[in-house]
Amino acid sequence: MKAPLVLVSATLLAASSFADKVDTLVSEQMKQHHVPAMTVAVVKDGKIVKAKGYGFAHLELESRANRETVYEIGSVTKVHCSSHHDARRRGQSELGCRCS
């Protein structure tokens, strides 16, 4: 079974204290949404303050996800691109890339 990619973003007021709470937050959300694996990076001022894999990247083999796990993203890019396009149309996106 392939693990889905979940994109997480947050505005961090205190990255180090937030990073300490990430394990609990991620575990709760994975359980609630039945997500088998994810990798999360917390970035502050361009520096990674925490990077960790959670859950099983391969359920049958019970191989754990880690900070370097490669996920197959499938059709997630279509949803992301659509959201980005809508945000650009409303003037709420500062990304300079084109989606078509």
Protein backbone atom coordinates (compact mmCIF):
# COMPACT_ATOMS: atom_id res chain seq x y z
CA MET A 1 0.00 0.00 0.00
CA LYS A 2 1.32 3.42 -0.89
CA ALA A 3 1.30 6.13 1.77
CA PRO A 4 -0.53 9.36 0.87
CA LEU A 5 1.21 12.69 0.95
CA VAL A 6 -0.21 15.21 3.36
CA LEU A 7 0.93 18.77 3.13
CA VAL A 8 0.99 20.68 6.39
CA SER A 9 1.71 24.38 6.79
CA ALA A 10 1.57 26.59 9.87
CA THR A 11 2.57 30.08 10.98
CA LEU A 12 5.03 29.54 13.77
CA LEU A 13 5.34 32.08 16.57
CA ALA A 14 7.85 30.03 18.55
CA ALA A 15 9.22 27.27 16.33
CA SER A 16 11.13 25.43 19.01
CA SER A 17 8.16 25.15 21.41
CA PHE A 18 5.90 24.28 18.48
CA ALA A 19 8.33 21.61 17.33
CA ASP A 20 8.06 19.96 20.74
CA LYS A 21 4.28 19.66 20.28
CA VAL A 22 4.43 18.36 16.72
CA ASP A 23 4.62 14.68 17.73
CA THR A 24 1.32 14.85 19.61
CA LEU A 25 -0.42 16.92 16.95
CA VAL A 26 0.71 14.67 14.10
CA SER A 27 -0.17 11.46 15.95
CA GLU A 28 -3.68 12.74 16.75
CA GLN A 29 -4.33 13.90 13.18
CA MET A 30 -2.99 10.70 11.63
CA LYS A 31 -5.25 8.63 13.85
CA GLN A 32 -8.31 10.83 13.23
CA HIS A 33 -7.86 10.86 9.44
CA HIS A 34 -6.52 7.29 9.08
CA VAL A 35 -3.20 8.40 7.57
CA PRO A 36 -0.67 5.54 7.57
CA ALA A 37 2.46 7.70 7.22
CA MET A 38 3.73 11.22 6.82
CA THR A 39 6.92 13.20 7.07
CA VAL A 40 6.85 16.65 8.63
CA ALA A 41 9.41 19.45 8.63
CA VAL A 42 9.15 22.49 10.87
CA VAL A 43 11.08 25.42 9.39
CA LYS A 44 11.94 28.70 11.13
CA ASP A 45 13.91 31.47 9.43
CA GLY A 46 14.87 29.11 6.61
CA LYS A 47 16.30 26.49 8.97
CA ILE A 48 14.81 23.08 9.73
CA VAL A 49 14.17 22.92 13.49
CA LYS A 50 12.48 19.51 13.35
CA ALA A 51 12.13 16.85 10.66
CA LYS A 52 10.63 13.46 11.40
CA GLY A 53 8.72 10.61 9.77
CA TYR A 54 5.60 9.17 11.42
CA GLY A 55 3.79 5.87 10.92
CA PHE A 56 4.47 3.12 8.40
CA ALA A 57 5.64 4.02 4.90
CA HIS A 58 4.93 0.45 3.79
CA LEU A 59 2.16 -1.22 5.78
CA GLU A 60 2.75 -4.78 4.60
CA LEU A 61 6.47 -4.66 5.38
CA GLU A 62 5.91 -2.52 8.49
CA SER A 63 8.73 -0.21 7.43
CA ARG A 64 8.62 3.04 9.34
CA ALA A 65 8.54 6.44 7.68
CA ASN A 66 11.53 8.68 8.35
CA ARG A 67 12.67 12.14 7.42
CA GLU A 68 13.91 10.89 4.04
CA THR A 69 10.93 8.74 3.03
CA VAL A 70 9.89 9.28 -0.60
CA TYR A 71 6.11 9.29 -1.13
CA GLU A 72 4.16 8.82 -4.33
CA ILE A 73 1.91 11.84 -4.57
CA GLY A 74 -0.56 10.60 -7.18
CA SER A 75 -3.19 13.20 -7.99
CA VAL A 76 -2.46 15.49 -5.03
CA THR A 77 -0.80 17.98 -7.38
CA LYS A 78 -4.11 18.60 -9.15
CA VAL A 79 -5.76 19.65 -5.88
CA HIS A 80 -2.79 21.81 -4.89
CA CYS A 81 -2.58 23.45 -8.30
CA SER A 82 -6.32 24.15 -8.32
CA SER A 83 -6.14 25.76 -4.87
CA HIS A 84 -3.13 27.83 -5.93
CA HIS A 85 -4.91 28.96 -9.11
CA ASP A 86 -7.97 30.08 -7.12
CA ALA A 87 -5.78 31.93 -4.60
CA ARG A 88 -3.92 33.72 -7.42
CA ARG A 89 -7.23 34.72 -9.00
CA ARG A 90 -8.30 36.28 -5.68
CA GLY A 91 -4.91 38.00 -5.30
CA GLN A 92 -4.06 35.93 -2.21
CA SER A 93 -1.02 34.05 -3.52
CA GLU A 94 2.49 35.43 -3.75
CA LEU A 95 3.96 32.45 -5.56
CA GLY A 96 5.27 33.34 -8.97
CA CYS A 97 4.70 29.97 -10.61
CA ARG A 98 2.09 29.20 -13.27
CA CYS A 99 -0.45 26.44 -13.00
CA SER A 100 -2.40 25.35 -16.03
